[in-house]
C-alpha atoms as a PDB file:
ATOM      1  CA  UNK A   1      -0.454   0.179  -0.192  1.00  0.00           C
ATOM      2  CA  UNK A   2       0.835   3.121  -1.051  1.00  0.00           C
ATOM      3  CA  UNK A   3       0.351   6.375   0.482  1.00  0.00           C
ATOM      4  CA  UNK A   4       1.191   9.251  -1.485  1.00  0.00           C
ATOM      5  CA  UNK A   5       5.250   8.836  -1.320  1.00  0.00           C
ATOM      6  CA  UNK A   6       5.593   7.027   1.947  1.00  0.00           C
ATOM      7  CA  UNK A   7       5.731   2.971   0.885  1.00  0.00           C
ATOM      8  CA  UNK A   8       3.286   1.192   3.818  1.00  0.00           C
ATOM      9  CA  UNK A   9       4.449  -2.120   4.540  1.00  0.00           C
ATOM     10  CA  UNK A  10       1.793  -4.673   7.049  1.00  0.00           C
ATOM     11  CA  UNK A  11       4.181  -4.190   9.559  1.00  0.00           C
ATOM     12  CA  UNK A  12       4.551  -0.868   9.245  1.00  0.00           C
ATOM     13  CA  UNK A  13       0.337  -0.412   8.747  1.00  0.00           C
ATOM     14  CA  UNK A  14      -0.291  -2.629  11.551  1.00  0.00           C
ATOM     15  CA  UNK A  15       2.827   0.614  13.605  1.00  0.00           C
ATOM     16  CA  UNK A  16       0.828   3.137  12.035  1.00  0.00           C
ATOM     17  CA  UNK A  17      -3.234   1.758  13.653  1.00  0.00           C
ATOM     18  CA  UNK A  18      -1.854   1.350  17.207  1.00  0.00           C
ATOM     19  CA  UNK A  19      -0.434   3.953  17.220  1.00  0.00           C
ATOM     20  CA  UNK A  20      -3.632   6.445  16.829  1.00  0.00           C
ATOM     21  CA  UNK A  21      -4.745   3.721  18.871  1.00  0.00           C
ATOM     22  CA  UNK A  22      -2.506   4.479  21.972  1.00  0.00           C
ATOM     23  CA  UNK A  23      -2.222   8.506  21.952  1.00  0.00           C
ATOM     24  CA  UNK A  24      -6.145   8.335  20.655  1.00  0.00           C
ATOM     25  CA  UNK A  25      -6.897   6.398  24.172  1.00  0.00           C
ATOM     26  CA  UNK A  26      -4.530   8.997  25.794  1.00  0.00           C
ATOM     27  CA  UNK A  27      -5.784  12.563  24.330  1.00  0.00           C
ATOM     28  CA  UNK A  28      -8.634  10.578  26.233  1.00  0.00           C
ATOM     29  CA  UNK A  29      -7.819   9.976  29.207  1.00  0.00           C
ATOM     30  CA  UNK A  30      -6.238  13.745  29.619  1.00  0.00           C
ATOM     31  CA  UNK A  31      -9.296  15.682  28.581  1.00  0.00           C
ATOM     32  CA  UNK A  32     -11.927  12.707  30.461  1.00  0.00           C
ATOM     33  CA  UNK A  33     -10.529  11.041  33.516  1.00  0.00           C
ATOM     34  CA  UNK A  34      -7.308  12.644  34.975  1.00  0.00           C
ATOM     35  CA  UNK A  35     -10.069  16.219  35.567  1.00  0.00           C
ATOM     36  CA  UNK A  36     -12.163  14.278  37.353  1.00  0.00           C
ATOM     37  CA  UNK A  37      -9.418  11.899  39.126  1.00  0.00           C
ATOM     38  CA  UNK A  38      -7.732  15.385  40.517  1.00  0.00           C
ATOM     39  CA  UNK A  39     -11.458  15.979  41.889  1.00  0.00           C
ATOM     40  CA  UNK A  40     -11.671  13.157  43.359  1.00  0.00           C
ATOM     41  CA  UNK A  41      -8.755  12.905  44.766  1.00  0.00           C
ATOM     42  CA  UNK A  42      -9.338  15.890  46.647  1.00  0.00           C
ATOM     43  CA  UNK A  43     -13.175  15.002  47.515  1.00  0.00           C
ATOM     44  CA  UNK A  44     -10.901  12.256  48.784  1.00  0.00           C
ATOM     45  CA  UNK A  45      -8.166  14.681  51.216  1.00  0.00           C
ATOM     46  CA  UNK A  46     -11.694  16.527  52.621  1.00  0.00           C
ATOM     47  CA  UNK A  47     -13.336  13.339  53.763  1.00  0.00           C
ATOM     48  CA  UNK A  48     -10.146  12.633  55.194  1.00  0.00           C
ATOM     49  CA  UNK A  49     -10.329  15.847  56.862  1.00  0.00           C
ATOM     50  CA  UNK A  50     -14.135  15.991  58.302  1.00  0.00           C
ATOM     51  CA  UNK A  51     -12.803  12.130  59.655  1.00  0.00           C
ATOM     52  CA  UNK A  52     -10.131  13.563  61.367  1.00  0.00           C
ATOM     53  CA  UNK A  53     -12.481  16.457  62.709  1.00  0.00           C
ATOM     54  CA  UNK A  54     -15.253  13.929  63.726  1.00  0.00           C
ATOM     55  CA  UNK A  55     -12.900  11.615  65.266  1.00  0.00           C
ATOM     56  CA  UNK A  56     -11.280  14.510  67.907  1.00  0.00           C
ATOM     57  CA  UNK A  57     -15.223  15.676  68.874  1.00  0.00           C
ATOM     58  CA  UNK A  58     -15.668  11.617  69.431  1.00  0.00           C
ATOM     59  CA  UNK A  59     -12.711  11.685  71.194  1.00  0.00           C
ATOM     60  CA  UNK A  60     -13.731  15.207  73.198  1.00  0.00           C
ATOM     61  CA  UNK A  61     -16.987  14.175  73.865  1.00  0.00           C
ATOM     62  CA  UNK A  62     -16.023  10.571  75.072  1.00  0.00           C
ATOM     63  CA  UNK A  63     -13.705  11.201  77.510  1.00  0.00           C
ATOM     64  CA  UNK A  64     -16.168  14.816  78.726  1.00  0.00           C
ATOM     65  CA  UNK A  65     -18.513  12.635  79.523  1.00  0.00           C
ATOM     66  CA  UNK A  66     -21.831  13.904  78.432  1.00  0.00           C
ATOM     67  CA  UNK A  67     -22.438  11.397  75.348  1.00  0.00           C
ATOM     68  CA  UNK A  68     -22.798   8.829  78.463  1.00  0.00           C
ATOM     69  CA  UNK A  69     -26.680   9.237  79.133  1.00  0.00           C
ATOM     70  CA  UNK A  70     -27.547   7.251  82.775  1.00  0.00           C
ATOM     71  CA  UNK A  71     -30.351   7.190  83.091  1.00  0.00           C
ATOM     72  CA  UNK A  72     -32.225   8.204  86.589  1.00  0.00           C
ATOM     73  CA  UNK A  73     -33.908   7.156  89.850  1.00  0.00           C
ATOM     74  CA  UNK A  74     -37.642   7.233  90.296  1.00  0.00           C
ATOM     75  CA  UNK A  75     -35.860   8.564  93.411  1.00  0.00           C
ATOM     76  CA  UNK A  76     -34.669  11.972  91.342  1.00  0.00           C
ATOM     77  CA  UNK A  77     -37.762  12.701  89.435  1.00  0.00           C
ATOM     78  CA  UNK A  78     -37.822  15.694  91.239  1.00  0.00           C
ATOM     79  CA  UNK A  79     -34.819  16.988  89.855  1.00  0.00           C
ATOM     80  CA  UNK A  80     -35.939  15.960  85.706  1.00  0.00           C
ATOM     81  CA  UNK A  81     -39.068  17.419  86.770  1.00  0.00           C
ATOM     82  CA  UNK A  82     -37.751  21.047  87.889  1.00  0.00           C
ATOM     83  CA  UNK A  83     -34.253  20.979  84.919  1.00  0.00           C
ATOM     84  CA  UNK A  84     -37.668  20.247  82.493  1.00  0.00           C
ATOM     85  CA  UNK A  85     -39.744  23.544  83.713  1.00  0.00           C
ATOM     86  CA  UNK A  86     -35.264  25.580  83.868  1.00  0.00           C
ATOM     87  CA  UNK A  87     -34.985  24.455  80.602  1.00  0.00           C
ATOM     88  CA  UNK A  88     -38.347  25.483  78.828  1.00  0.00           C
ATOM     89  CA  UNK A  89     -37.857  28.880  81.035  1.00  0.00           C
ATOM     90  CA  UNK A  90     -34.460  29.650  79.236  1.00  0.00           C
ATOM     91  CA  UNK A  91     -36.407  28.619  76.409  1.00  0.00           C
ATOM     92  CA  UNK A  92     -39.120  31.803  76.834  1.00  0.00           C
ATOM     93  CA  UNK A  93     -41.912  28.705  76.850  1.00  0.00           C
ATOM     94  CA  UNK A  94     -44.450  29.872  79.260  1.00  0.00           C
ATOM     95  CA  UNK A  95     -46.075  26.332  81.581  1.00  0.00           C
ATOM     96  CA  UNK A  96     -49.604  26.785  81.661  1.00  0.00           C
ATOM     97  CA  UNK A  97     -49.751  23.838  83.784  1.00  0.00           C
ATOM     98  CA  UNK A  98     -47.694  19.897  84.346  1.00  0.00           C
ATOM     99  CA  UNK A  99     -49.123  16.760  85.486  1.00  0.00           C
ATOM    100  CA  UNK A 100     -47.151  13.580  85.491  1.00  0.00           C
ATOM    101  CA  UNK A 101     -48.503  10.739  85.448  1.00  0.00           C
ATOM    102  CA  UNK A 102     -48.300   7.535  87.073  1.00  0.00           C
ATOM    103  CA  UNK A 103     -45.035   5.409  86.751  1.00  0.00           C
ATOM    104  CA  UNK A 104     -45.052   2.615  84.034  1.00  0.00           C
ATOM    105  CA  UNK A 105     -42.665  -0.256  83.516  1.00  0.00           C
ATOM    106  CA  UNK A 106     -42.470   0.190  79.995  1.00  0.00           C
ATOM    107  CA  UNK A 107     -42.463  -4.070  78.808  1.00  0.00           C
ATOM    108  CA  UNK A 108     -42.501  -6.621  81.154  1.00  0.00           C
ATOM    109  CA  UNK A 109     -38.945  -7.715  81.940  1.00  0.00           C
ATOM    110  CA  UNK A 110     -37.919  -4.338  80.646  1.00  0.00           C
ATOM    111  CA  UNK A 111     -35.175  -2.916  82.802  1.00  0.00           C
ATOM    112  CA  UNK A 112     -36.361   0.960  82.867  1.00  0.00           C
ATOM    113  CA  UNK A 113     -39.967   2.057  83.360  1.00  0.00           C
ATOM    114  CA  UNK A 114     -41.827   5.955  82.081  1.00  0.00           C
ATOM    115  CA  UNK A 115     -43.387   8.370  83.665  1.00  0.00           C
ATOM    116  CA  UNK A 116     -46.096  10.157  81.161  1.00  0.00           C
ATOM    117  CA  UNK A 117     -45.655  13.980  82.142  1.00  0.00           C
ATOM    118  CA  UNK A 118     -48.165  16.076  80.207  1.00  0.00           C
ATOM    119  CA  UNK A 119     -47.937  19.609  79.595  1.00  0.00           C
ATOM    120  CA  UNK A 120     -49.592  22.330  78.786  1.00  0.00           C
ATOM    121  CA  UNK A 121     -47.574  25.013  77.522  1.00  0.00           C
ATOM    122  CA  UNK A 122     -47.342  29.193  75.492  1.00  0.00           C
ATOM    123  CA  UNK A 123     -44.670  30.019  73.257  1.00  0.00           C
ATOM    124  CA  UNK A 124     -44.515  31.602  69.180  1.00  0.00           C
ATOM    125  CA  UNK A 125     -43.640  28.768  66.863  1.00  0.00           C
ATOM    126  CA  UNK A 126     -39.767  29.353  66.725  1.00  0.00           C
ATOM    127  CA  UNK A 127     -39.411  29.324  70.824  1.00  0.00           C
ATOM    128  CA  UNK A 128     -41.512  26.417  70.393  1.00  0.00           C
ATOM    129  CA  UNK A 129     -39.458  25.187  67.993  1.00  0.00           C
ATOM    130  CA  UNK A 130     -36.316  25.284  70.497  1.00  0.00           C
ATOM    131  CA  UNK A 131     -37.697  23.835  73.224  1.00  0.00           C
ATOM    132  CA  UNK A 132     -38.526  21.192  71.358  1.00  0.00           C
ATOM    133  CA  UNK A 133     -35.205  20.773  69.662  1.00  0.00           C
ATOM    134  CA  UNK A 134     -33.419  20.974  72.309  1.00  0.00           C
ATOM    135  CA  UNK A 135     -34.850  18.645  74.640  1.00  0.00           C
ATOM    136  CA  UNK A 136     -32.038  16.045  74.199  1.00  0.00           C
ATOM    137  CA  UNK A 137     -29.686  18.416  75.745  1.00  0.00           C
ATOM    138  CA  UNK A 138     -31.460  17.653  79.378  1.00  0.00           C
ATOM    139  CA  UNK A 139     -28.452  16.166  82.167  1.00  0.00           C
ATOM    140  CA  UNK A 140     -31.229  14.759  84.051  1.00  0.00           C
ATOM    141  CA  UNK A 141     -33.215  12.740  82.409  1.00  0.00           C
ATOM    142  CA  UNK A 142     -33.747  10.835  78.885  1.00  0.00           C
ATOM    143  CA  UNK A 143     -37.116  12.435  77.831  1.00  0.00           C
ATOM    144  CA  UNK A 144     -38.975  11.136  74.375  1.00  0.00           C
ATOM    145  CA  UNK A 145     -41.720  13.707  73.661  1.00  0.00           C
ATOM    146  CA  UNK A 146     -44.983  10.891  72.862  1.00  0.00           C
ATOM    147  CA  UNK A 147     -47.869  13.347  71.162  1.00  0.00           C
ATOM    148  CA  UNK A 148     -48.440  16.875  71.103  1.00  0.00           C
ATOM    149  CA  UNK A 149     -51.146  18.702  69.602  1.00  0.00           C
ATOM    150  CA  UNK A 150     -51.022  22.149  68.872  1.00  0.00           C
ATOM    151  CA  UNK A 151     -53.778  24.863  67.421  1.00  0.00           C
ATOM    152  CA  UNK A 152     -53.387  28.945  68.147  1.00  0.00           C
ATOM    153  CA  UNK A 153     -53.928  30.451  71.363  1.00  0.00           C
ATOM    154  CA  UNK A 154     -57.098  32.262  71.176  1.00  0.00           C
ATOM    155  CA  UNK A 155     -56.099  34.956  72.730  1.00  0.00           C
ATOM    156  CA  UNK A 156     -53.258  36.246  71.601  1.00  0.00           C
ATOM    157  CA  UNK A 157     -52.536  35.004  67.535  1.00  0.00           C
ATOM    158  CA  UNK A 158     -49.121  35.440  67.290  1.00  0.00           C
ATOM    159  CA  UNK A 159     -49.077  32.485  70.685  1.00  0.00           C
ATOM    160  CA  UNK A 160     -49.612  29.154  70.248  1.00  0.00           C
ATOM    161  CA  UNK A 161     -51.149  26.563  72.848  1.00  0.00           C
ATOM    162  CA  UNK A 162     -49.201  23.458  73.138  1.00  0.00           C
ATOM    163  CA  UNK A 163     -49.647  19.927  74.463  1.00  0.00           C
ATOM    164  CA  UNK A 164     -47.560  17.517  74.995  1.00  0.00           C
ATOM    165  CA  UNK A 165     -47.025  13.844  76.581  1.00  0.00           C
ATOM    166  CA  UNK A 166     -42.864  13.747  76.958  1.00  0.00           C
ATOM    167  CA  UNK A 167     -42.369   9.849  78.352  1.00  0.00           C
ATOM    168  CA  UNK A 168     -38.791  11.073  81.427  1.00  0.00           C
ATOM    169  CA  UNK A 169     -36.810   7.012  81.341  1.00  0.00           C
ATOM    170  CA  UNK A 170     -36.231   5.622  84.476  1.00  0.00           C
ATOM    171  CA  UNK A 171     -34.181   3.109  85.286  1.00  0.00           C
ATOM    172  CA  UNK A 172     -35.871  -0.592  87.282  1.00  0.00           C
ATOM    173  CA  UNK A 173     -33.334  -0.750  89.525  1.00  0.00           C
ATOM    174  CA  UNK A 174     -33.884   0.983  93.540  1.00  0.00           C
ATOM    175  CA  UNK A 175     -31.527   4.126  94.097  1.00  0.00           C
ATOM    176  CA  UNK A 176     -28.080   3.461  94.858  1.00  0.00           C
ATOM    177  CA  UNK A 177     -26.122   5.272  97.737  1.00  0.00           C
END
């Protein structure tokens, strides 16, 4: 085969075709894959940095002792209720009433009990959201919102009336001195 003044033998033609394929593959790699690989490396380094920060935060939480909760006993319930009301006042919600109910055993053979508390409160939407979102910050007990009903305050349209039932989890063991 002859192209212009260059005569191509079968061997030279094979070499030219292979060279064209290699150049095309190298060009595709440089155009498409190299930028993606550099982006992946940058994201990988970002993830490693975040993982390092998370590990550091976990160690801080573990060393502070606040990451671990201990269930309170029945004798400590009044302290938990006091903390709940103080916490609500800080978050600017107004407690109208708070009625602790009878302590319930959650399940047969369970190691914990539950104290349901009916709460009526008055607040703005923002104050309510901040209060409910911050219940996990309580130190004296583990609190779960069982149910809530929100309605507009008849006297002040900028406020809400909220009926909550929260459950404070208690240790099933007797108080240890």
